[in-house]
Amino acid sequence: MILESINVKLSNRNLVQIVIRHAIKTDLSMIWENFNSVVGEKKFIPVISEITNKYEQESWFYNHQNENNIVLVATIDEKVVGHCTIEHIIGNVANKLET
């Protein structure tokens, strides 16, 4: 479920335009290409292997939609260069933090 459209245009010092928007199904191949290249670097990510199964890739996307999570992509020239998720987690975090 897409809550509301978001389309933010930013430019860096080199005037490269970066667009941040909701992910759509056609972004999936680029999202996973980008993700798997980062996994291959073996830095800054708690995943040890690439996700190449198409069913698993699509399930990830649909699960986020069904749980009303937000999946954003950053694009340059319509190519996905990064993504993030904002997840709705049910539970009382305050109680879990008590010692």
PDB file of N, CA and C in Angstrom:
ATOM      1  N   MET A   1       0.835  -1.175   0.000  1.00  0.00           N
ATOM      2  CA  MET A   1       0.000   0.000   0.000  1.00  0.00           C
ATOM      3  C   MET A   1       0.880   1.237   0.000  1.00  0.00           C
ATOM      4  N   ILE A   2       0.703   2.113  -0.958  1.00  0.00           N
ATOM      5  CA  ILE A   2       1.435   3.370  -0.990  1.00  0.00           C
ATOM      6  C   ILE A   2       0.568   4.413  -0.296  1.00  0.00           C
ATOM      7  N   LEU A   3       1.072   4.961   0.800  1.00  0.00           N
ATOM      8  CA  LEU A   3       0.280   5.881   1.595  1.00  0.00           C
ATOM      9  C   LEU A   3       0.037   7.199   0.876  1.00  0.00           C
ATOM     10  N   GLU A   4       1.079   7.805   0.417  1.00  0.00           N
ATOM     11  CA  GLU A   4       0.966   9.067  -0.293  1.00  0.00           C
ATOM     12  C   GLU A   4       2.185   9.185  -1.186  1.00  0.00           C
ATOM     13  N   SER A   5       1.998   9.812  -2.305  1.00  0.00           N
ATOM     14  CA  SER A   5       3.104   9.939  -3.242  1.00  0.00           C
ATOM     15  C   SER A   5       4.203  10.813  -2.651  1.00  0.00           C
ATOM     16  N   ILE A   6       5.429  10.393  -2.885  1.00  0.00           N
ATOM     17  CA  ILE A   6       6.578  11.193  -2.484  1.00  0.00           C
ATOM     18  C   ILE A   6       7.542  11.219  -3.658  1.00  0.00           C
ATOM     19  N   ASN A   7       8.017  12.377  -3.977  1.00  0.00           N
ATOM     20  CA  ASN A   7       8.994  12.515  -5.052  1.00  0.00           C
ATOM     21  C   ASN A   7       9.854  13.720  -4.702  1.00  0.00           C
ATOM     22  N   VAL A   8      11.016  13.466  -4.140  1.00  0.00           N
ATOM     23  CA  VAL A   8      11.912  14.520  -3.691  1.00  0.00           C
ATOM     24  C   VAL A   8      13.084  14.586  -4.648  1.00  0.00           C
ATOM     25  N   LYS A   9      13.367  15.768  -5.144  1.00  0.00           N
ATOM     26  CA  LYS A   9      14.506  15.935  -6.045  1.00  0.00           C
ATOM     27  C   LYS A   9      15.595  16.714  -5.318  1.00  0.00           C
ATOM     28  N   LEU A  10      16.772  16.137  -5.285  1.00  0.00           N
ATOM     29  CA  LEU A  10      17.928  16.753  -4.648  1.00  0.00           C
ATOM     30  C   LEU A  10      19.047  16.849  -5.668  1.00  0.00           C
ATOM     31  N   SER A  11      19.947  17.780  -5.463  1.00  0.00           N
ATOM     32  CA  SER A  11      21.121  17.871  -6.335  1.00  0.00           C
ATOM     33  C   SER A  11      22.360  17.978  -5.466  1.00  0.00           C
ATOM     34  N   ASN A  12      23.420  17.288  -5.866  1.00  0.00           N
ATOM     35  CA  ASN A  12      24.673  17.402  -5.131  1.00  0.00           C
ATOM     36  C   ASN A  12      25.524  18.514  -5.743  1.00  0.00           C
ATOM     37  N   ARG A  13      26.746  18.640  -5.313  1.00  0.00           N
ATOM     38  CA  ARG A  13      27.620  19.718  -5.816  1.00  0.00           C
ATOM     39  C   ARG A  13      27.843  19.652  -7.315  1.00  0.00           C
ATOM     40  N   ASN A  14      27.823  18.457  -7.854  1.00  0.00           N
ATOM     41  CA  ASN A  14      28.018  18.293  -9.300  1.00  0.00           C
ATOM     42  C   ASN A  14      26.713  18.430 -10.068  1.00  0.00           C
ATOM     43  N   LEU A  15      25.664  18.861  -9.373  1.00  0.00           N
ATOM     44  CA  LEU A  15      24.336  19.051  -9.964  1.00  0.00           C
ATOM     45  C   LEU A  15      23.739  17.762 -10.514  1.00  0.00           C
ATOM     46  N   VAL A  16      24.138  16.638  -9.930  1.00  0.00           N
ATOM     47  CA  VAL A  16      23.514  15.364 -10.273  1.00  0.00           C
ATOM     48  C   VAL A  16      22.188  15.318  -9.524  1.00  0.00           C
ATOM     49  N   GLN A  17      21.107  15.097 -10.244  1.00  0.00           N
ATOM     50  CA  GLN A  17      19.793  15.080  -9.611  1.00  0.00           C
ATOM     51  C   GLN A  17      19.493  13.689  -9.054  1.00  0.00           C
ATOM     52  N   ILE A  18      19.167  13.659  -7.772  1.00  0.00           N
ATOM     53  CA  ILE A  18      18.814  12.422  -7.084  1.00  0.00           C
ATOM     54  C   ILE A  18      17.332  12.502  -6.743  1.00  0.00           C
ATOM     55  N   VAL A  19      16.574  11.508  -7.160  1.00  0.00           N
ATOM     56  CA  VAL A  19      15.138  11.472  -6.886  1.00  0.00           C
ATOM     57  C   VAL A  19      14.871  10.389  -5.848  1.00  0.00           C
ATOM     58  N   ILE A  20      14.139  10.751  -4.792  1.00  0.00           N
ATOM     59  CA  ILE A  20      13.722   9.793  -3.775  1.00  0.00           C
ATOM     60  C   ILE A  20      12.217   9.631  -3.917  1.00  0.00           C
ATOM     61  N   ARG A  21      11.789   8.361  -4.061  1.00  0.00           N
ATOM     62  CA  ARG A  21      10.364   8.100  -4.294  1.00  0.00           C
ATOM     63  C   ARG A  21      10.011   6.712  -3.777  1.00  0.00           C
ATOM     64  N   HIS A  22       8.705   6.441  -3.732  1.00  0.00           N
ATOM     65  CA  HIS A  22       8.245   5.098  -3.367  1.00  0.00           C
ATOM     66  C   HIS A  22       8.718   4.097  -4.414  1.00  0.00           C
ATOM     67  N   ALA A  23       9.090   2.923  -3.961  1.00  0.00           N
ATOM     68  CA  ALA A  23       9.482   1.852  -4.881  1.00  0.00           C
ATOM     69  C   ALA A  23       8.241   1.286  -5.559  1.00  0.00           C
ATOM     70  N   ILE A  24       8.430   0.844  -6.789  1.00  0.00           N
ATOM     71  CA  ILE A  24       7.377   0.153  -7.524  1.00  0.00           C
ATOM     72  C   ILE A  24       7.940  -1.188  -7.991  1.00  0.00           C
ATOM     73  N   LYS A  25       7.046  -2.081  -8.374  1.00  0.00           N
ATOM     74  CA  LYS A  25       7.472  -3.445  -8.712  1.00  0.00           C
ATOM     75  C   LYS A  25       8.558  -3.463  -9.786  1.00  0.00           C
ATOM     76  N   THR A  26       8.487  -2.556 -10.749  1.00  0.00           N
ATOM     77  CA  THR A  26       9.489  -2.566 -11.819  1.00  0.00           C
ATOM     78  C   THR A  26      10.878  -2.160 -11.329  1.00  0.00           C
ATOM     79  N   ASP A  27      10.983  -1.659 -10.101  1.00  0.00           N
ATOM     80  CA  ASP A  27      12.289  -1.317  -9.516  1.00  0.00           C
ATOM     81  C   ASP A  27      13.009  -2.536  -8.950  1.00  0.00           C
ATOM     82  N   LEU A  28      12.295  -3.645  -8.786  1.00  0.00           N
ATOM     83  CA  LEU A  28      12.854  -4.785  -8.052  1.00  0.00           C
ATOM     84  C   LEU A  28      14.184  -5.283  -8.593  1.00  0.00           C
ATOM     85  N   SER A  29      14.314  -5.418  -9.895  1.00  0.00           N
ATOM     86  CA  SER A  29      15.581  -5.948 -10.420  1.00  0.00           C
ATOM     87  C   SER A  29      16.743  -5.018 -10.086  1.00  0.00           C
ATOM     88  N   MET A  30      16.510  -3.700 -10.151  1.00  0.00           N
ATOM     89  CA  MET A  30      17.583  -2.755  -9.822  1.00  0.00           C
ATOM     90  C   MET A  30      17.847  -2.714  -8.325  1.00  0.00           C
ATOM     91  N   ILE A  31      16.792  -2.837  -7.506  1.00  0.00           N
ATOM     92  CA  ILE A  31      16.978  -2.869  -6.049  1.00  0.00           C
ATOM     93  C   ILE A  31      17.885  -4.036  -5.676  1.00  0.00           C
ATOM     94  N   TRP A  32      17.589  -5.220  -6.225  1.00  0.00           N
ATOM     95  CA  TRP A  32      18.361  -6.408  -5.852  1.00  0.00           C
ATOM     96  C   TRP A  32      19.740  -6.424  -6.493  1.00  0.00           C
ATOM     97  N   GLU A  33      19.877  -5.832  -7.655  1.00  0.00           N
ATOM     98  CA  GLU A  33      21.211  -5.710  -8.261  1.00  0.00           C
ATOM     99  C   GLU A  33      22.095  -4.850  -7.366  1.00  0.00           C
ATOM    100  N   ASN A  34      21.542  -3.731  -6.903  1.00  0.00           N
ATOM    101  CA  ASN A  34      22.269  -2.829  -6.016  1.00  0.00           C
ATOM    102  C   ASN A  34      22.565  -3.511  -4.683  1.00  0.00           C
ATOM    103  N   PHE A  35      21.561  -4.150  -4.100  1.00  0.00           N
ATOM    104  CA  PHE A  35      21.715  -4.844  -2.821  1.00  0.00           C
ATOM    105  C   PHE A  35      22.797  -5.912  -2.903  1.00  0.00           C
ATOM    106  N   ASN A  36      22.729  -6.741  -3.936  1.00  0.00           N
ATOM    107  CA  ASN A  36      23.688  -7.836  -4.078  1.00  0.00           C
ATOM    108  C   ASN A  36      25.106  -7.338  -4.311  1.00  0.00           C
ATOM    109  N   SER A  37      25.252  -6.182  -4.958  1.00  0.00           N
ATOM    110  CA  SER A  37      26.607  -5.644  -5.138  1.00  0.00           C
ATOM    111  C   SER A  37      27.187  -5.197  -3.800  1.00  0.00           C
ATOM    112  N   VAL A  38      26.346  -4.676  -2.915  1.00  0.00           N
ATOM    113  CA  VAL A  38      26.808  -4.273  -1.582  1.00  0.00           C
ATOM    114  C   VAL A  38      27.145  -5.504  -0.746  1.00  0.00           C
ATOM    115  N   VAL A  39      26.320  -6.550  -0.840  1.00  0.00           N
ATOM    116  CA  VAL A  39      26.608  -7.798  -0.118  1.00  0.00           C
ATOM    117  C   VAL A  39      27.963  -8.341  -0.556  1.00  0.00           C
ATOM    118  N   GLY A  40      28.259  -8.232  -1.842  1.00  0.00           N
ATOM    119  CA  GLY A  40      29.537  -8.707  -2.364  1.00  0.00           C
ATOM    120  C   GLY A  40      30.733  -7.979  -1.778  1.00  0.00           C
ATOM    121  N   GLU A  41      30.527  -6.731  -1.331  1.00  0.00           N
ATOM    122  CA  GLU A  41      31.616  -5.971  -0.713  1.00  0.00           C
ATOM    123  C   GLU A  41      31.922  -6.470   0.694  1.00  0.00           C
ATOM    124  N   LYS A  42      30.968  -7.171   1.308  1.00  0.00           N
ATOM    125  CA  LYS A  42      31.102  -7.742   2.650  1.00  0.00           C
ATOM    126  C   LYS A  42      31.424  -6.707   3.725  1.00  0.00           C
ATOM    127  N   LYS A  43      30.897  -5.496   3.548  1.00  0.00           N
ATOM    128  CA  LYS A  43      31.084  -4.443   4.544  1.00  0.00           C
ATOM    129  C   LYS A  43      29.729  -3.821   4.859  1.00  0.00           C
ATOM    130  N   PHE A  44      29.549  -3.424   6.088  1.00  0.00           N
ATOM    131  CA  PHE A  44      28.412  -2.608   6.504  1.00  0.00           C
ATOM    132  C   PHE A  44      27.050  -3.238   6.264  1.00  0.00           C
ATOM    133  N   ILE A  45      26.949  -4.544   6.185  1.00  0.00           N
ATOM    134  CA  ILE A  45      25.646  -5.176   5.965  1.00  0.00           C
ATOM    135  C   ILE A  45      25.628  -6.533   6.671  1.00  0.00           C
ATOM    136  N   PRO A  46      24.560  -6.803   7.424  1.00  0.00           N
ATOM    137  CA  PRO A  46      24.501  -8.056   8.185  1.00  0.00           C
ATOM    138  C   PRO A  46      23.944  -9.232   7.377  1.00  0.00           C
ATOM    139  N   VAL A  47      24.256  -9.304   6.110  1.00  0.00           N
ATOM    140  CA  VAL A  47      23.794 -10.383   5.236  1.00  0.00           C
ATOM    141  C   VAL A  47      25.025 -11.027   4.624  1.00  0.00           C
ATOM    142  N   ILE A  48      25.050 -12.360   4.572  1.00  0.00           N
ATOM    143  CA  ILE A  48      26.265 -13.012   4.078  1.00  0.00           C
ATOM    144  C   ILE A  48      26.166 -13.529   2.652  1.00  0.00           C
ATOM    145  N   SER A  49      24.954 -13.583   2.096  1.00  0.00           N
ATOM    146  CA  SER A  49      24.856 -14.083   0.724  1.00  0.00           C
ATOM    147  C   SER A  49      23.856 -13.255  -0.082  1.00  0.00           C
ATOM    148  N   GLU A  50      24.053 -13.256  -1.376  1.00  0.00           N
ATOM    149  CA  GLU A  50      23.189 -12.506  -2.275  1.00  0.00           C
ATOM    150  C   GLU A  50      21.797 -13.129  -2.317  1.00  0.00           C
ATOM    151  N   ILE A  51      20.811 -12.305  -2.605  1.00  0.00           N
ATOM    152  CA  ILE A  51      19.431 -12.768  -2.780  1.00  0.00           C
ATOM    153  C   ILE A  51      19.172 -12.784  -4.283  1.00  0.00           C
ATOM    154  N   THR A  52      19.128 -13.976  -4.866  1.00  0.00           N
ATOM    155  CA  THR A  52      18.964 -14.084  -6.320  1.00  0.00           C
ATOM    156  C   THR A  52      17.662 -14.761  -6.725  1.00  0.00           C
ATOM    157  N   ASN A  53      16.974 -15.375  -5.785  1.00  0.00           N
ATOM    158  CA  ASN A  53      15.723 -16.062  -6.083  1.00  0.00           C
ATOM    159  C   ASN A  53      14.624 -15.028  -6.342  1.00  0.00           C
ATOM    160  N   LYS A  54      14.032 -15.045  -7.537  1.00  0.00           N
ATOM    161  CA  LYS A  54      13.011 -14.059  -7.919  1.00  0.00           C
ATOM    162  C   LYS A  54      11.804 -14.111  -6.989  1.00  0.00           C
ATOM    163  N   TYR A  55      11.405 -15.318  -6.581  1.00  0.00           N
ATOM    164  CA  TYR A  55      10.266 -15.445  -5.671  1.00  0.00           C
ATOM    165  C   TYR A  55      10.561 -14.744  -4.346  1.00  0.00           C
ATOM    166  N   GLU A  56      11.754 -14.957  -3.818  1.00  0.00           N
ATOM    167  CA  GLU A  56      12.145 -14.329  -2.553  1.00  0.00           C
ATOM    168  C   GLU A  56      12.208 -12.810  -2.698  1.00  0.00           C
ATOM    169  N   GLN A  57      12.715 -12.331  -3.832  1.00  0.00           N
ATOM    170  CA  GLN A  57      12.797 -10.892  -4.081  1.00  0.00           C
ATOM    171  C   GLN A  57      11.402 -10.265  -4.136  1.00  0.00           C
ATOM    172  N   GLU A  58      10.491 -10.896  -4.868  1.00  0.00           N
ATOM    173  CA  GLU A  58       9.134 -10.364  -4.979  1.00  0.00           C
ATOM    174  C   GLU A  58       8.382 -10.492  -3.660  1.00  0.00           C
ATOM    175  N   SER A  59       8.590 -11.582  -2.938  1.00  0.00           N
ATOM    176  CA  SER A  59       7.938 -11.769  -1.638  1.00  0.00           C
ATOM    177  C   SER A  59       8.337 -10.664  -0.671  1.00  0.00           C
ATOM    178  N   TRP A  60       9.606 -10.288  -0.680  1.00  0.00           N
ATOM    179  CA  TRP A  60      10.094  -9.192   0.167  1.00  0.00           C
ATOM    180  C   TRP A  60       9.285  -7.930  -0.108  1.00  0.00           C
ATOM    181  N   PHE A  61       9.103  -7.607  -1.379  1.00  0.00           N
ATOM    182  CA  PHE A  61       8.380  -6.402  -1.773  1.00  0.00           C
ATOM    183  C   PHE A  61       6.913  -6.480  -1.339  1.00  0.00           C
ATOM    184  N   TYR A  62       6.248  -7.583  -1.651  1.00  0.00           N
ATOM    185  CA  TYR A  62       4.827  -7.723  -1.320  1.00  0.00           C
ATOM    186  C   TYR A  62       4.597  -7.802   0.187  1.00  0.00           C
ATOM    187  N   ASN A  63       5.507  -8.416   0.926  1.00  0.00           N
ATOM    188  CA  ASN A  63       5.382  -8.450   2.387  1.00  0.00           C
ATOM    189  C   ASN A  63       5.432  -7.048   2.967  1.00  0.00           C
ATOM    190  N   HIS A  64       6.324  -6.212   2.453  1.00  0.00           N
ATOM    191  CA  HIS A  64       6.382  -4.824   2.928  1.00  0.00           C
ATOM    192  C   HIS A  64       5.084  -4.094   2.608  1.00  0.00           C
ATOM    193  N   GLN A  65       4.538  -4.310   1.426  1.00  0.00           N
ATOM    194  CA  GLN A  65       3.262  -3.676   1.075  1.00  0.00           C
ATOM    195  C   GLN A  65       2.146  -4.149   1.999  1.00  0.00           C
ATOM    196  N   ASN A  66       2.046  -5.448   2.212  1.00  0.00           N
ATOM    197  CA  ASN A  66       0.979  -6.013   3.040  1.00  0.00           C
ATOM    198  C   ASN A  66       1.067  -5.569   4.493  1.00  0.00           C
ATOM    199  N   GLU A  67       2.265  -5.256   4.962  1.00  0.00           N
ATOM    200  CA  GLU A  67       2.460  -4.828   6.347  1.00  0.00           C
ATOM    201  C   GLU A  67       2.440  -3.308   6.482  1.00  0.00           C
ATOM    202  N   ASN A  68       2.060  -2.613   5.405  1.00  0.00           N
ATOM    203  CA  ASN A  68       2.001  -1.144   5.388  1.00  0.00           C
ATOM    204  C   ASN A  68       3.341  -0.493   5.705  1.00  0.00           C
ATOM    205  N   ASN A  69       4.425  -1.149   5.331  1.00  0.00           N
ATOM    206  CA  ASN A  69       5.751  -0.562   5.464  1.00  0.00           C
ATOM    207  C   ASN A  69       6.009   0.341   4.265  1.00  0.00           C
ATOM    208  N   ILE A  70       7.035   1.136   4.360  1.00  0.00           N
ATOM    209  CA  ILE A  70       7.393   2.046   3.274  1.00  0.00           C
ATOM    210  C   ILE A  70       8.719   1.586   2.686  1.00  0.00           C
ATOM    211  N   VAL A  71       8.771   1.478   1.373  1.00  0.00           N
ATOM    212  CA  VAL A  71      10.012   1.164   0.671  1.00  0.00           C
ATOM    213  C   VAL A  71      10.306   2.346  -0.243  1.00  0.00           C
ATOM    214  N   LEU A  72      11.431   3.001   0.009  1.00  0.00           N
ATOM    215  CA  LEU A  72      11.842   4.144  -0.801  1.00  0.00           C
ATOM    216  C   LEU A  72      13.055   3.765  -1.634  1.00  0.00           C
ATOM    217  N   VAL A  73      13.149   4.360  -2.813  1.00  0.00           N
ATOM    218  CA  VAL A  73      14.339   4.187  -3.641  1.00  0.00           C
ATOM    219  C   VAL A  73      14.922   5.556  -3.946  1.00  0.00           C
ATOM    220  N   ALA A  74      16.234   5.589  -4.087  1.00  0.00           N
ATOM    221  CA  ALA A  74      16.936   6.771  -4.581  1.00  0.00           C
ATOM    222  C   ALA A  74      17.371   6.442  -5.999  1.00  0.00           C
ATOM    223  N   THR A  75      17.094   7.353  -6.930  1.00  0.00           N
ATOM    224  CA  THR A  75      17.441   7.100  -8.326  1.00  0.00           C
ATOM    225  C   THR A  75      18.246   8.262  -8.892  1.00  0.00           C
ATOM    226  N   ILE A  76      19.124   7.921  -9.809  1.00  0.00           N
ATOM    227  CA  ILE A  76      19.841   8.903 -10.624  1.00  0.00           C
ATOM    228  C   ILE A  76      19.615   8.478 -12.063  1.00  0.00           C
ATOM    229  N   ASP A  77      19.090   9.391 -12.858  1.00  0.00           N
ATOM    230  CA  ASP A  77      18.760   9.078 -14.259  1.00  0.00           C
ATOM    231  C   ASP A  77      17.904   7.815 -14.356  1.00  0.00           C
ATOM    232  N   GLU A  78      16.931   7.699 -13.459  1.00  0.00           N
ATOM    233  CA  GLU A  78      15.974   6.589 -13.414  1.00  0.00           C
ATOM    234  C   GLU A  78      16.600   5.234 -13.075  1.00  0.00           C
ATOM    235  N   LYS A  79      17.851   5.228 -12.615  1.00  0.00           N
ATOM    236  CA  LYS A  79      18.505   3.990 -12.179  1.00  0.00           C
ATOM    237  C   LYS A  79      18.544   3.985 -10.654  1.00  0.00           C
ATOM    238  N   VAL A  80      18.087   2.894 -10.058  1.00  0.00           N
ATOM    239  CA  VAL A  80      18.079   2.783  -8.597  1.00  0.00           C
ATOM    240  C   VAL A  80      19.515   2.695  -8.096  1.00  0.00           C
ATOM    241  N   VAL A  81      19.876   3.618  -7.190  1.00  0.00           N
ATOM    242  CA  VAL A  81      21.224   3.630  -6.622  1.00  0.00           C
ATOM    243  C   VAL A  81      21.211   3.321  -5.127  1.00  0.00           C
ATOM    244  N   GLY A  82      20.013   3.167  -4.564  1.00  0.00           N
ATOM    245  CA  GLY A  82      19.896   2.817  -3.157  1.00  0.00           C
ATOM    246  C   GLY A  82      18.435   2.675  -2.772  1.00  0.00           C
ATOM    247  N   HIS A  83      18.207   2.030  -1.643  1.00  0.00           N
ATOM    248  CA  HIS A  83      16.838   1.900  -1.142  1.00  0.00           C
ATOM    249  C   HIS A  83      16.861   1.820   0.380  1.00  0.00           C
ATOM    250  N   CYS A  84      15.701   2.086   0.976  1.00  0.00           N
ATOM    251  CA  CYS A  84      15.556   1.902   2.417  1.00  0.00           C
ATOM    252  C   CYS A  84      14.118   1.510   2.716  1.00  0.00           C
ATOM    253  N   THR A  85      13.928   0.881   3.849  1.00  0.00           N
ATOM    254  CA  THR A  85      12.587   0.520   4.284  1.00  0.00           C
ATOM    255  C   THR A  85      12.311   1.175   5.628  1.00  0.00           C
ATOM    256  N   ILE A  86      11.073   1.557   5.807  1.00  0.00           N
ATOM    257  CA  ILE A  86      10.591   2.057   7.089  1.00  0.00           C
ATOM    258  C   ILE A  86       9.497   1.080   7.493  1.00  0.00           C
ATOM    259  N   GLU A  87       9.748   0.343   8.561  1.00  0.00           N
ATOM    260  CA  GLU A  87       8.868  -0.762   8.919  1.00  0.00           C
ATOM    261  C   GLU A  87       8.019  -0.443  10.137  1.00  0.00           C
ATOM    262  N   HIS A  88       6.777  -0.879  10.063  1.00  0.00           N
ATOM    263  CA  HIS A  88       5.843  -0.762  11.178  1.00  0.00           C
ATOM    264  C   HIS A  88       5.994  -2.020  12.020  1.00  0.00           C
ATOM    265  N   ILE A  89       6.466  -1.849  13.236  1.00  0.00           N
ATOM    266  CA  ILE A  89       6.678  -2.992  14.116  1.00  0.00           C
ATOM    267  C   ILE A  89       5.702  -2.883  15.280  1.00  0.00           C
ATOM    268  N   ILE A  90       4.944  -3.934  15.480  1.00  0.00           N
ATOM    269  CA  ILE A  90       3.966  -3.948  16.562  1.00  0.00           C
ATOM    270  C   ILE A  90       4.648  -4.455  17.823  1.00  0.00           C
ATOM    271  N   GLY A  91       4.422  -3.751  18.912  1.00  0.00           N
ATOM    272  CA  GLY A  91       4.989  -4.178  20.178  1.00  0.00           C
ATOM    273  C   GLY A  91       5.278  -2.982  21.054  1.00  0.00           C
ATOM    274  N   ASN A  92       5.506  -3.231  22.296  1.00  0.00           N
ATOM    275  CA  ASN A  92       5.801  -2.183  23.243  1.00  0.00           C
ATOM    276  C   ASN A  92       7.309  -2.160  23.470  1.00  0.00           C
ATOM    277  N   VAL A  93       7.975  -1.313  22.744  1.00  0.00           N
ATOM    278  CA  VAL A  93       9.433  -1.234  22.821  1.00  0.00           C
ATOM    279  C   VAL A  93       9.876  -0.737  24.186  1.00  0.00           C
ATOM    280  N   ALA A  94       9.109   0.151  24.794  1.00  0.00           N
ATOM    281  CA  ALA A  94       9.495   0.704  26.095  1.00  0.00           C
ATOM    282  C   ALA A  94       9.661  -0.402  27.132  1.00  0.00           C
ATOM    283  N   ASN A  95       8.763  -1.376  27.134  1.00  0.00           N
ATOM    284  CA  ASN A  95       8.875  -2.478  28.097  1.00  0.00           C
ATOM    285  C   ASN A  95      10.101  -3.335  27.836  1.00  0.00           C
ATOM    286  N   LYS A  96      10.492  -3.463  26.598  1.00  0.00           N
ATOM    287  CA  LYS A  96      11.655  -4.286  26.262  1.00  0.00           C
ATOM    288  C   LYS A  96      12.957  -3.609  26.671  1.00  0.00           C
ATOM    289  N   LEU A  97      12.926  -2.289  26.833  1.00  0.00           N
ATOM    290  CA  LEU A  97      14.133  -1.555  27.184  1.00  0.00           C
ATOM    291  C   LEU A  97      14.372  -1.496  28.686  1.00  0.00           C
ATOM    292  N   GLU A  98      13.358  -1.838  29.474  1.00  0.00           N
ATOM    293  CA  GLU A  98      13.518  -1.795  30.922  1.00  0.00           C
ATOM    294  C   GLU A  98      14.513  -2.851  31.383  1.00  0.00           C
ATOM    295  N   THR A  99      15.259  -2.509  32.418  1.00  0.00           N
ATOM    296  CA  THR A  99      16.218  -3.474  32.959  1.00  0.00           C
ATOM    297  C   THR A  99      15.742  -4.053  34.262  1.00  0.00           C
TER     298      THR A  99
END
